[in-house]
Amino acid sequence: MKTTIDLPEDLVTAVKIRAAQDRRTMKEVTAEALRGWLKARKENSASVTTSEPTLNPEKMKRLEAFRVYRSHLQKNPPSEERRTSLTDYLNEALEDRQTFGGREQAQ
């Protein structure tokens, strides 16, 4: 099957040179590279699904709460006024986090 891919010129040149040295076609080298990438992704995803989650339990709870809240917002979108208020609040929280580096502010 033919396809067109826009690749960096230096990469194509290096692959062409190596393919010629190995007496192989670009088609063969590209197919081998893509198969290797797919195999690595498959092996990687298999190990990820069997490993322990990388988030601690507290972060997992917050992530699940976020997913529930996002689902709720998709079904019941806030009014424009409420959306503006929430956006302002979140922007302020983000600024505070950047200012204080995620540490609690002194009250």
PDB file of N, CA and C in Angstrom:
ATOM      1  N   MET A   1       0.836  -1.164   0.000  1.00  0.00           N
ATOM      2  CA  MET A   1       0.000   0.000   0.000  1.00  0.00           C
ATOM      3  C   MET A   1       0.887   1.235   0.000  1.00  0.00           C
ATOM      4  N   LYS A   2       0.565   2.191  -0.821  1.00  0.00           N
ATOM      5  CA  LYS A   2       1.343   3.422  -0.889  1.00  0.00           C
ATOM      6  C   LYS A   2       0.790   4.444   0.083  1.00  0.00           C
ATOM      7  N   THR A   3       1.711   5.209   0.687  1.00  0.00           N
ATOM      8  CA  THR A   3       1.324   6.308   1.562  1.00  0.00           C
ATOM      9  C   THR A   3       2.394   7.382   1.500  1.00  0.00           C
ATOM     10  N   THR A   4       2.047   8.581   1.881  1.00  0.00           N
ATOM     11  CA  THR A   4       3.001   9.688   1.889  1.00  0.00           C
ATOM     12  C   THR A   4       3.197  10.140   3.323  1.00  0.00           C
ATOM     13  N   ILE A   5       4.465  10.263   3.708  1.00  0.00           N
ATOM     14  CA  ILE A   5       4.804  10.702   5.056  1.00  0.00           C
ATOM     15  C   ILE A   5       5.836  11.813   4.934  1.00  0.00           C
ATOM     16  N   ASP A   6       5.619  12.898   5.643  1.00  0.00           N
ATOM     17  CA  ASP A   6       6.552  14.019   5.650  1.00  0.00           C
ATOM     18  C   ASP A   6       7.530  13.823   6.795  1.00  0.00           C
ATOM     19  N   LEU A   7       8.788  13.512   6.467  1.00  0.00           N
ATOM     20  CA  LEU A   7       9.814  13.238   7.468  1.00  0.00           C
ATOM     21  C   LEU A   7      10.939  14.259   7.365  1.00  0.00           C
ATOM     22  N   PRO A   8      11.697  14.449   8.432  1.00  0.00           N
ATOM     23  CA  PRO A   8      12.848  15.348   8.371  1.00  0.00           C
ATOM     24  C   PRO A   8      13.864  14.844   7.336  1.00  0.00           C
ATOM     25  N   GLU A   9      14.420  15.776   6.593  1.00  0.00           N
ATOM     26  CA  GLU A   9      15.337  15.430   5.502  1.00  0.00           C
ATOM     27  C   GLU A   9      16.544  14.651   5.998  1.00  0.00           C
ATOM     28  N   ASP A  10      17.112  15.054   7.142  1.00  0.00           N
ATOM     29  CA  ASP A  10      18.288  14.362   7.656  1.00  0.00           C
ATOM     30  C   ASP A  10      17.991  12.911   8.023  1.00  0.00           C
ATOM     31  N   LEU A  11      16.786  12.658   8.513  1.00  0.00           N
ATOM     32  CA  LEU A  11      16.390  11.288   8.849  1.00  0.00           C
ATOM     33  C   LEU A  11      16.278  10.436   7.591  1.00  0.00           C
ATOM     34  N   VAL A  12      15.622  10.963   6.575  1.00  0.00           N
ATOM     35  CA  VAL A  12      15.453  10.219   5.318  1.00  0.00           C
ATOM     36  C   VAL A  12      16.820   9.923   4.697  1.00  0.00           C
ATOM     37  N   THR A  13      17.705  10.905   4.705  1.00  0.00           N
ATOM     38  CA  THR A  13      19.041  10.715   4.132  1.00  0.00           C
ATOM     39  C   THR A  13      19.789   9.612   4.874  1.00  0.00           C
ATOM     40  N   ALA A  14      19.752   9.658   6.201  1.00  0.00           N
ATOM     41  CA  ALA A  14      20.450   8.639   6.994  1.00  0.00           C
ATOM     42  C   ALA A  14      19.875   7.249   6.744  1.00  0.00           C
ATOM     43  N   VAL A  15      18.556   7.142   6.648  1.00  0.00           N
ATOM     44  CA  VAL A  15      17.919   5.846   6.406  1.00  0.00           C
ATOM     45  C   VAL A  15      18.276   5.336   5.012  1.00  0.00           C
ATOM     46  N   LYS A  16      18.257   6.222   4.015  1.00  0.00           N
ATOM     47  CA  LYS A  16      18.618   5.807   2.650  1.00  0.00           C
ATOM     48  C   LYS A  16      20.045   5.282   2.597  1.00  0.00           C
ATOM     49  N   ILE A  17      20.957   5.977   3.257  1.00  0.00           N
ATOM     50  CA  ILE A  17      22.360   5.550   3.261  1.00  0.00           C
ATOM     51  C   ILE A  17      22.493   4.185   3.924  1.00  0.00           C
ATOM     52  N   ARG A  18      21.861   4.030   5.089  1.00  0.00           N
ATOM     53  CA  ARG A  18      21.957   2.753   5.807  1.00  0.00           C
ATOM     54  C   ARG A  18      21.288   1.626   5.031  1.00  0.00           C
ATOM     55  N   ALA A  19      20.147   1.910   4.421  1.00  0.00           N
ATOM     56  CA  ALA A  19      19.446   0.895   3.630  1.00  0.00           C
ATOM     57  C   ALA A  19      20.317   0.453   2.453  1.00  0.00           C
ATOM     58  N   ALA A  20      20.967   1.399   1.795  1.00  0.00           N
ATOM     59  CA  ALA A  20      21.843   1.059   0.668  1.00  0.00           C
ATOM     60  C   ALA A  20      23.019   0.216   1.134  1.00  0.00           C
ATOM     61  N   GLN A  21      23.600   0.571   2.289  1.00  0.00           N
ATOM     62  CA  GLN A  21      24.716  -0.211   2.828  1.00  0.00           C
ATOM     63  C   GLN A  21      24.295  -1.644   3.125  1.00  0.00           C
ATOM     64  N   ASP A  22      23.043  -1.808   3.579  1.00  0.00           N
ATOM     65  CA  ASP A  22      22.528  -3.140   3.901  1.00  0.00           C
ATOM     66  C   ASP A  22      21.888  -3.827   2.705  1.00  0.00           C
ATOM     67  N   ARG A  23      21.933  -3.167   1.558  1.00  0.00           N
ATOM     68  CA  ARG A  23      21.320  -3.676   0.317  1.00  0.00           C
ATOM     69  C   ARG A  23      19.830  -3.988   0.527  1.00  0.00           C
ATOM     70  N   ARG A  24      19.148  -3.009   1.120  1.00  0.00           N
ATOM     71  CA  ARG A  24      17.720  -3.139   1.377  1.00  0.00           C
ATOM     72  C   ARG A  24      17.006  -1.920   0.818  1.00  0.00           C
ATOM     73  N   THR A  25      15.721  -2.065   0.591  1.00  0.00           N
ATOM     74  CA  THR A  25      14.933  -0.952   0.078  1.00  0.00           C
ATOM     75  C   THR A  25      14.405  -0.108   1.236  1.00  0.00           C
ATOM     76  N   MET A  26      14.028   1.128   0.909  1.00  0.00           N
ATOM     77  CA  MET A  26      13.406   1.997   1.917  1.00  0.00           C
ATOM     78  C   MET A  26      12.113   1.360   2.417  1.00  0.00           C
ATOM     79  N   LYS A  27      11.396   0.694   1.522  1.00  0.00           N
ATOM     80  CA  LYS A  27      10.145   0.041   1.901  1.00  0.00           C
ATOM     81  C   LYS A  27      10.401  -1.020   2.977  1.00  0.00           C
ATOM     82  N   GLU A  28      11.436  -1.832   2.781  1.00  0.00           N
ATOM     83  CA  GLU A  28      11.755  -2.884   3.743  1.00  0.00           C
ATOM     84  C   GLU A  28      12.172  -2.296   5.097  1.00  0.00           C
ATOM     85  N   VAL A  29      13.015  -1.275   5.046  1.00  0.00           N
ATOM     86  CA  VAL A  29      13.510  -0.668   6.284  1.00  0.00           C
ATOM     87  C   VAL A  29      12.375   0.024   7.037  1.00  0.00           C
ATOM     88  N   THR A  30      11.532   0.747   6.304  1.00  0.00           N
ATOM     89  CA  THR A  30      10.411   1.443   6.932  1.00  0.00           C
ATOM     90  C   THR A  30       9.431   0.453   7.554  1.00  0.00           C
ATOM     91  N   ALA A  31       9.106  -0.604   6.823  1.00  0.00           N
ATOM     92  CA  ALA A  31       8.180  -1.615   7.348  1.00  0.00           C
ATOM     93  C   ALA A  31       8.759  -2.260   8.609  1.00  0.00           C
ATOM     94  N   GLU A  32      10.062  -2.568   8.589  1.00  0.00           N
ATOM     95  CA  GLU A  32      10.700  -3.167   9.761  1.00  0.00           C
ATOM     96  C   GLU A  32      10.652  -2.213  10.950  1.00  0.00           C
ATOM     97  N   ALA A  33      10.916  -0.943  10.707  1.00  0.00           N
ATOM     98  CA  ALA A  33      10.900   0.044  11.786  1.00  0.00           C
ATOM     99  C   ALA A  33       9.498   0.182  12.377  1.00  0.00           C
ATOM    100  N   LEU A  34       8.492   0.242  11.526  1.00  0.00           N
ATOM    101  CA  LEU A  34       7.122   0.381  12.019  1.00  0.00           C
ATOM    102  C   LEU A  34       6.660  -0.861  12.765  1.00  0.00           C
ATOM    103  N   ARG A  35       7.027  -2.033  12.264  1.00  0.00           N
ATOM    104  CA  ARG A  35       6.676  -3.268  12.981  1.00  0.00           C
ATOM    105  C   ARG A  35       7.343  -3.312  14.353  1.00  0.00           C
ATOM    106  N   GLY A  36       8.606  -2.906  14.412  1.00  0.00           N
ATOM    107  CA  GLY A  36       9.321  -2.871  15.684  1.00  0.00           C
ATOM    108  C   GLY A  36       8.680  -1.900  16.658  1.00  0.00           C
ATOM    109  N   TRP A  37       8.244  -0.744  16.145  1.00  0.00           N
ATOM    110  CA  TRP A  37       7.577   0.247  16.992  1.00  0.00           C
ATOM    111  C   TRP A  37       6.271  -0.311  17.532  1.00  0.00           C
ATOM    112  N   LEU A  38       5.481  -0.951  16.667  1.00  0.00           N
ATOM    113  CA  LEU A  38       4.213  -1.533  17.112  1.00  0.00           C
ATOM    114  C   LEU A  38       4.440  -2.625  18.151  1.00  0.00           C
ATOM    115  N   LYS A  39       5.439  -3.453  17.928  1.00  0.00           N
ATOM    116  CA  LYS A  39       5.734  -4.532  18.880  1.00  0.00           C
ATOM    117  C   LYS A  39       6.143  -3.952  20.233  1.00  0.00           C
ATOM    118  N   ALA A  40       6.978  -2.918  20.209  1.00  0.00           N
ATOM    119  CA  ALA A  40       7.413  -2.288  21.464  1.00  0.00           C
ATOM    120  C   ALA A  40       6.225  -1.662  22.193  1.00  0.00           C
ATOM    121  N   ARG A  41       5.325  -1.031  21.458  1.00  0.00           N
ATOM    122  CA  ARG A  41       4.141  -0.425  22.072  1.00  0.00           C
ATOM    123  C   ARG A  41       3.253  -1.505  22.691  1.00  0.00           C
ATOM    124  N   LYS A  42       3.110  -2.617  21.983  1.00  0.00           N
ATOM    125  CA  LYS A  42       2.274  -3.710  22.488  1.00  0.00           C
ATOM    126  C   LYS A  42       2.875  -4.286  23.762  1.00  0.00           C
ATOM    127  N   GLU A  43       4.199  -4.513  23.762  1.00  0.00           N
ATOM    128  CA  GLU A  43       4.867  -5.048  24.947  1.00  0.00           C
ATOM    129  C   GLU A  43       4.794  -4.050  26.094  1.00  0.00           C
ATOM    130  N   ASN A  44       4.955  -2.764  25.785  1.00  0.00           N
ATOM    131  CA  ASN A  44       4.907  -1.727  26.805  1.00  0.00           C
ATOM    132  C   ASN A  44       3.513  -1.637  27.420  1.00  0.00           C
ATOM    133  N   SER A  45       2.483  -1.662  26.593  1.00  0.00           N
ATOM    134  CA  SER A  45       1.131  -1.555  27.129  1.00  0.00           C
ATOM    135  C   SER A  45       0.752  -2.799  27.922  1.00  0.00           C
ATOM    136  N   ALA A  46       1.287  -3.949  27.562  1.00  0.00           N
ATOM    137  CA  ALA A  46       1.012  -5.169  28.320  1.00  0.00           C
ATOM    138  C   ALA A  46       1.620  -5.061  29.712  1.00  0.00           C
ATOM    139  N   SER A  47       2.826  -4.493  29.806  1.00  0.00           N
ATOM    140  CA  SER A  47       3.455  -4.364  31.117  1.00  0.00           C
ATOM    141  C   SER A  47       2.787  -3.278  31.944  1.00  0.00           C
ATOM    142  N   VAL A  48       2.266  -2.258  31.291  1.00  0.00           N
ATOM    143  CA  VAL A  48       1.598  -1.176  32.013  1.00  0.00           C
ATOM    144  C   VAL A  48       0.313  -1.671  32.646  1.00  0.00           C
ATOM    145  N   THR A  49      -0.440  -2.503  31.933  1.00  0.00           N
ATOM    146  CA  THR A  49      -1.722  -2.946  32.468  1.00  0.00           C
ATOM    147  C   THR A  49      -1.554  -3.894  33.652  1.00  0.00           C
ATOM    148  N   THR A  50      -0.405  -4.567  33.737  1.00  0.00           N
ATOM    149  CA  THR A  50      -0.211  -5.501  34.842  1.00  0.00           C
ATOM    150  C   THR A  50       0.515  -4.867  36.014  1.00  0.00           C
ATOM    151  N   SER A  51       1.052  -3.649  35.841  1.00  0.00           N
ATOM    152  CA  SER A  51       1.798  -3.028  36.923  1.00  0.00           C
ATOM    153  C   SER A  51       0.862  -2.241  37.840  1.00  0.00           C
ATOM    154  N   GLU A  52       1.371  -1.890  39.005  1.00  0.00           N
ATOM    155  CA  GLU A  52       0.603  -1.105  39.956  1.00  0.00           C
ATOM    156  C   GLU A  52       0.426   0.313  39.430  1.00  0.00           C
ATOM    157  N   PRO A  53      -0.656   0.977  39.790  1.00  0.00           N
ATOM    158  CA  PRO A  53      -0.824   2.355  39.352  1.00  0.00           C
ATOM    159  C   PRO A  53       0.276   3.238  39.935  1.00  0.00           C
ATOM    160  N   THR A  54       0.654   4.270  39.170  1.00  0.00           N
ATOM    161  CA  THR A  54       1.731   5.135  39.619  1.00  0.00           C
ATOM    162  C   THR A  54       1.223   6.258  40.519  1.00  0.00           C
ATOM    163  N   LEU A  55      -0.094   6.471  40.564  1.00  0.00           N
ATOM    164  CA  LEU A  55      -0.649   7.508  41.417  1.00  0.00           C
ATOM    165  C   LEU A  55      -0.942   6.946  42.802  1.00  0.00           C
ATOM    166  N   ASN A  56      -0.697   7.749  43.813  1.00  0.00           N
ATOM    167  CA  ASN A  56      -1.017   7.296  45.164  1.00  0.00           C
ATOM    168  C   ASN A  56      -2.534   7.308  45.350  1.00  0.00           C
ATOM    169  N   PRO A  57      -3.051   6.649  46.371  1.00  0.00           N
ATOM    170  CA  PRO A  57      -4.507   6.543  46.549  1.00  0.00           C
ATOM    171  C   PRO A  57      -5.227   7.886  46.617  1.00  0.00           C
ATOM    172  N   GLU A  58      -4.612   8.883  47.245  1.00  0.00           N
ATOM    173  CA  GLU A  58      -5.252  10.206  47.331  1.00  0.00           C
ATOM    174  C   GLU A  58      -5.410  10.837  45.952  1.00  0.00           C
ATOM    175  N   LYS A  59      -4.372  10.712  45.135  1.00  0.00           N
ATOM    176  CA  LYS A  59      -4.450  11.255  43.772  1.00  0.00           C
ATOM    177  C   LYS A  59      -5.463  10.477  42.933  1.00  0.00           C
ATOM    178  N   MET A  60      -5.551   9.188  43.173  1.00  0.00           N
ATOM    179  CA  MET A  60      -6.536   8.379  42.443  1.00  0.00           C
ATOM    180  C   MET A  60      -7.952   8.833  42.791  1.00  0.00           C
ATOM    181  N   LYS A  61      -8.198   9.145  44.082  1.00  0.00           N
ATOM    182  CA  LYS A  61      -9.517   9.632  44.507  1.00  0.00           C
ATOM    183  C   LYS A  61      -9.848  10.954  43.827  1.00  0.00           C
ATOM    184  N   ARG A  62      -8.854  11.853  43.798  1.00  0.00           N
ATOM    185  CA  ARG A  62      -9.078  13.156  43.166  1.00  0.00           C
ATOM    186  C   ARG A  62      -9.329  13.013  41.667  1.00  0.00           C
ATOM    187  N   LEU A  63      -8.604  12.101  41.029  1.00  0.00           N
ATOM    188  CA  LEU A  63      -8.800  11.871  39.606  1.00  0.00           C
ATOM    189  C   LEU A  63     -10.200  11.340  39.333  1.00  0.00           C
ATOM    190  N   GLU A  64     -10.652  10.413  40.151  1.00  0.00           N
ATOM    191  CA  GLU A  64     -11.997   9.866  39.971  1.00  0.00           C
ATOM    192  C   GLU A  64     -13.055  10.934  40.232  1.00  0.00           C
ATOM    193  N   ALA A  65     -12.843  11.769  41.242  1.00  0.00           N
ATOM    194  CA  ALA A  65     -13.784  12.867  41.514  1.00  0.00           C
ATOM    195  C   ALA A  65     -13.835  13.826  40.335  1.00  0.00           C
ATOM    196  N   PHE A  66     -12.678  14.101  39.761  1.00  0.00           N
ATOM    197  CA  PHE A  66     -12.639  14.974  38.587  1.00  0.00           C
ATOM    198  C   PHE A  66     -13.426  14.363  37.428  1.00  0.00           C
ATOM    199  N   ARG A  67     -13.253  13.076  37.202  1.00  0.00           N
ATOM    200  CA  ARG A  67     -13.978  12.404  36.107  1.00  0.00           C
ATOM    201  C   ARG A  67     -15.491  12.469  36.317  1.00  0.00           C
ATOM    202  N   VAL A  68     -15.925  12.254  37.552  1.00  0.00           N
ATOM    203  CA  VAL A  68     -17.354  12.322  37.866  1.00  0.00           C
ATOM    204  C   VAL A  68     -17.860  13.743  37.648  1.00  0.00           C
ATOM    205  N   TYR A  69     -17.119  14.728  38.137  1.00  0.00           N
ATOM    206  CA  TYR A  69     -17.532  16.124  37.997  1.00  0.00           C
ATOM    207  C   TYR A  69     -17.565  16.537  36.522  1.00  0.00           C
ATOM    208  N   ARG A  70     -16.559  16.112  35.757  1.00  0.00           N
ATOM    209  CA  ARG A  70     -16.528  16.427  34.327  1.00  0.00           C
ATOM    210  C   ARG A  70     -17.731  15.829  33.616  1.00  0.00           C
ATOM    211  N   SER A  71     -18.084  14.603  33.971  1.00  0.00           N
ATOM    212  CA  SER A  71     -19.254  13.962  33.383  1.00  0.00           C
ATOM    213  C   SER A  71     -20.520  14.744  33.732  1.00  0.00           C
ATOM    214  N   HIS A  72     -20.601  15.184  34.984  1.00  0.00           N
ATOM    215  CA  HIS A  72     -21.749  15.979  35.424  1.00  0.00           C
ATOM    216  C   HIS A  72     -21.836  17.283  34.626  1.00  0.00           C
ATOM    217  N   LEU A  73     -20.697  17.946  34.433  1.00  0.00           N
ATOM    218  CA  LEU A  73     -20.697  19.214  33.692  1.00  0.00           C
ATOM    219  C   LEU A  73     -21.080  19.022  32.223  1.00  0.00           C
ATOM    220  N   GLN A  74     -20.706  17.888  31.672  1.00  0.00           N
ATOM    221  CA  GLN A  74     -21.073  17.634  30.281  1.00  0.00           C
ATOM    222  C   GLN A  74     -22.581  17.461  30.138  1.00  0.00           C
ATOM    223  N   LYS A  75     -23.201  16.873  31.148  1.00  0.00           N
ATOM    224  CA  LYS A  75     -24.652  16.667  31.108  1.00  0.00           C
ATOM    225  C   LYS A  75     -25.413  17.922  31.529  1.00  0.00           C
ATOM    226  N   ASN A  76     -24.827  18.711  32.435  1.00  0.00           N
ATOM    227  CA  ASN A  76     -25.475  19.911  32.979  1.00  0.00           C
ATOM    228  C   ASN A  76     -24.509  21.090  32.915  1.00  0.00           C
ATOM    229  N   PRO A  77     -24.287  21.658  31.728  1.00  0.00           N
ATOM    230  CA  PRO A  77     -23.308  22.744  31.620  1.00  0.00           C
ATOM    231  C   PRO A  77     -23.726  23.960  32.447  1.00  0.00           C
ATOM    232  N   PRO A  78     -22.744  24.641  33.071  1.00  0.00           N
ATOM    233  CA  PRO A  78     -23.068  25.811  33.896  1.00  0.00           C
ATOM    234  C   PRO A  78     -23.465  27.004  33.026  1.00  0.00           C
ATOM    235  N   SER A  79     -24.130  27.956  33.644  1.00  0.00           N
ATOM    236  CA  SER A  79     -24.496  29.188  32.937  1.00  0.00           C
ATOM    237  C   SER A  79     -23.216  29.953  32.590  1.00  0.00           C
ATOM    238  N   GLU A  80     -23.339  30.904  31.684  1.00  0.00           N
ATOM    239  CA  GLU A  80     -22.182  31.711  31.287  1.00  0.00           C
ATOM    240  C   GLU A  80     -21.585  32.441  32.491  1.00  0.00           C
ATOM    241  N   GLU A  81     -22.456  32.974  33.353  1.00  0.00           N
ATOM    242  CA  GLU A  81     -21.984  33.688  34.546  1.00  0.00           C
ATOM    243  C   GLU A  81     -21.207  32.748  35.468  1.00  0.00           C
ATOM    244  N   ARG A  82     -21.744  31.557  35.693  1.00  0.00           N
ATOM    245  CA  ARG A  82     -21.078  30.573  36.555  1.00  0.00           C
ATOM    246  C   ARG A  82     -19.761  30.113  35.934  1.00  0.00           C
ATOM    247  N   ARG A  83     -19.752  29.922  34.610  1.00  0.00           N
ATOM    248  CA  ARG A  83     -18.548  29.490  33.910  1.00  0.00           C
ATOM    249  C   ARG A  83     -17.438  30.539  34.072  1.00  0.00           C
ATOM    250  N   THR A  84     -17.805  31.817  33.938  1.00  0.00           N
ATOM    251  CA  THR A  84     -16.831  32.899  34.111  1.00  0.00           C
ATOM    252  C   THR A  84     -16.287  32.908  35.530  1.00  0.00           C
ATOM    253  N   SER A  85     -17.180  32.731  36.498  1.00  0.00           N
ATOM    254  CA  SER A  85     -16.774  32.703  37.900  1.00  0.00           C
ATOM    255  C   SER A  85     -15.819  31.542  38.166  1.00  0.00           C
ATOM    256  N   LEU A  86     -16.139  30.363  37.652  1.00  0.00           N
ATOM    257  CA  LEU A  86     -15.276  29.193  37.836  1.00  0.00           C
ATOM    258  C   LEU A  86     -13.922  29.387  37.156  1.00  0.00           C
ATOM    259  N   THR A  87     -13.948  29.958  35.960  1.00  0.00           N
ATOM    260  CA  THR A  87     -12.697  30.196  35.234  1.00  0.00           C
ATOM    261  C   THR A  87     -11.810  31.160  36.011  1.00  0.00           C
ATOM    262  N   ASP A  88     -12.398  32.233  36.530  1.00  0.00           N
ATOM    263  CA  ASP A  88     -11.626  33.188  37.320  1.00  0.00           C
ATOM    264  C   ASP A  88     -11.027  32.513  38.554  1.00  0.00           C
ATOM    265  N   TYR A  89     -11.831  31.706  39.238  1.00  0.00           N
ATOM    266  CA  TYR A  89     -11.362  31.011  40.434  1.00  0.00           C
ATOM    267  C   TYR A  89     -10.196  30.067  40.095  1.00  0.00           C
ATOM    268  N   LEU A  90     -10.347  29.309  39.023  1.00  0.00           N
ATOM    269  CA  LEU A  90      -9.298  28.358  38.643  1.00  0.00           C
ATOM    270  C   LEU A  90      -8.030  29.083  38.204  1.00  0.00           C
ATOM    271  N   ASN A  91      -8.172  30.201  37.509  1.00  0.00           N
ATOM    272  CA  ASN A  91      -6.995  30.973  37.107  1.00  0.00           C
ATOM    273  C   ASN A  91      -6.255  31.514  38.329  1.00  0.00           C
ATOM    274  N   GLU A  92      -6.999  32.005  39.329  1.00  0.00           N
ATOM    275  CA  GLU A  92      -6.378  32.482  40.561  1.00  0.00           C
ATOM    276  C   GLU A  92      -5.665  31.338  41.282  1.00  0.00           C
ATOM    277  N   ALA A  93      -6.309  30.178  41.334  1.00  0.00           N
ATOM    278  CA  ALA A  93      -5.694  29.019  41.987  1.00  0.00           C
ATOM    279  C   ALA A  93      -4.412  28.615  41.270  1.00  0.00           C
ATOM    280  N   LEU A  94      -4.426  28.659  39.940  1.00  0.00           N
ATOM    281  CA  LEU A  94      -3.238  28.317  39.168  1.00  0.00           C
ATOM    282  C   LEU A  94      -2.120  29.321  39.433  1.00  0.00           C
ATOM    283  N   GLU A  95      -2.458  30.596  39.476  1.00  0.00           N
ATOM    284  CA  GLU A  95      -1.457  31.624  39.779  1.00  0.00           C
ATOM    285  C   GLU A  95      -0.864  31.404  41.167  1.00  0.00           C
ATOM    286  N   ASP A  96      -1.721  31.091  42.152  1.00  0.00           N
ATOM    287  CA  ASP A  96      -1.234  30.820  43.505  1.00  0.00           C
ATOM    288  C   ASP A  96      -0.298  29.619  43.503  1.00  0.00           C
ATOM    289  N   ARG A  97      -0.670  28.604  42.784  1.00  0.00           N
ATOM    290  CA  ARG A  97       0.160  27.394  42.743  1.00  0.00           C
ATOM    291  C   ARG A  97       1.518  27.693  42.121  1.00  0.00           C
ATOM    292  N   GLN A  98       1.507  28.490  41.047  1.00  0.00           N
ATOM    293  CA  GLN A  98       2.771  28.848  40.412  1.00  0.00           C
ATOM    294  C   GLN A  98       3.616  29.724  41.333  1.00  0.00           C
ATOM    295  N   THR A  99       2.953  30.636  42.050  1.00  0.00           N
ATOM    296  CA  THR A  99       3.659  31.532  42.966  1.00  0.00           C
ATOM    297  C   THR A  99       4.249  30.776  44.144  1.00  0.00           C
ATOM    298  N   PHE A 100       3.455  29.879  44.721  1.00  0.00           N
ATOM    299  CA  PHE A 100       3.873  29.191  45.938  1.00  0.00           C
ATOM    300  C   PHE A 100       4.418  27.793  45.672  1.00  0.00           C
ATOM    301  N   GLY A 101       4.520  27.398  44.416  1.00  0.00           N
ATOM    302  CA  GLY A 101       5.120  26.116  44.074  1.00  0.00           C
ATOM    303  C   GLY A 101       4.388  24.917  44.614  1.00  0.00           C
ATOM    304  N   GLY A 102       3.066  25.014  44.739  1.00  0.00           N
ATOM    305  CA  GLY A 102       2.282  23.893  45.236  1.00  0.00           C
ATOM    306  C   GLY A 102       2.298  23.758  46.741  1.00  0.00           C
ATOM    307  N   ARG A 103       3.021  24.662  47.435  1.00  0.00           N
ATOM    308  CA  ARG A 103       3.057  24.627  48.898  1.00  0.00           C
ATOM    309  C   ARG A 103       1.884  25.406  49.449  1.00  0.00           C
ATOM    310  N   GLU A 104       1.490  25.072  50.653  1.00  0.00           N
ATOM    311  CA  GLU A 104       0.398  25.783  51.324  1.00  0.00           C
ATOM    312  C   GLU A 104       0.831  27.206  51.633  1.00  0.00           C
ATOM    313  N   GLN A 105      -0.076  28.147  51.470  1.00  0.00           N
ATOM    314  CA  GLN A 105       0.193  29.524  51.807  1.00  0.00           C
ATOM    315  C   GLN A 105       0.120  29.702  53.325  1.00  0.00           C
ATOM    316  N   ALA A 106       0.920  30.627  53.827  1.00  0.00           N
ATOM    317  CA  ALA A 106       0.819  30.985  55.241  1.00  0.00           C
ATOM    318  C   ALA A 106      -0.417  31.854  55.419  1.00  0.00           C
ATOM    319  N   GLN A 107      -1.250  31.529  56.388  1.00  0.00           N
ATOM    320  CA  GLN A 107      -2.498  32.301  56.616  1.00  0.00           C
ATOM    321  C   GLN A 107      -2.235  33.465  57.536  1.00  0.00           C
TER     322      GLN A 107
END
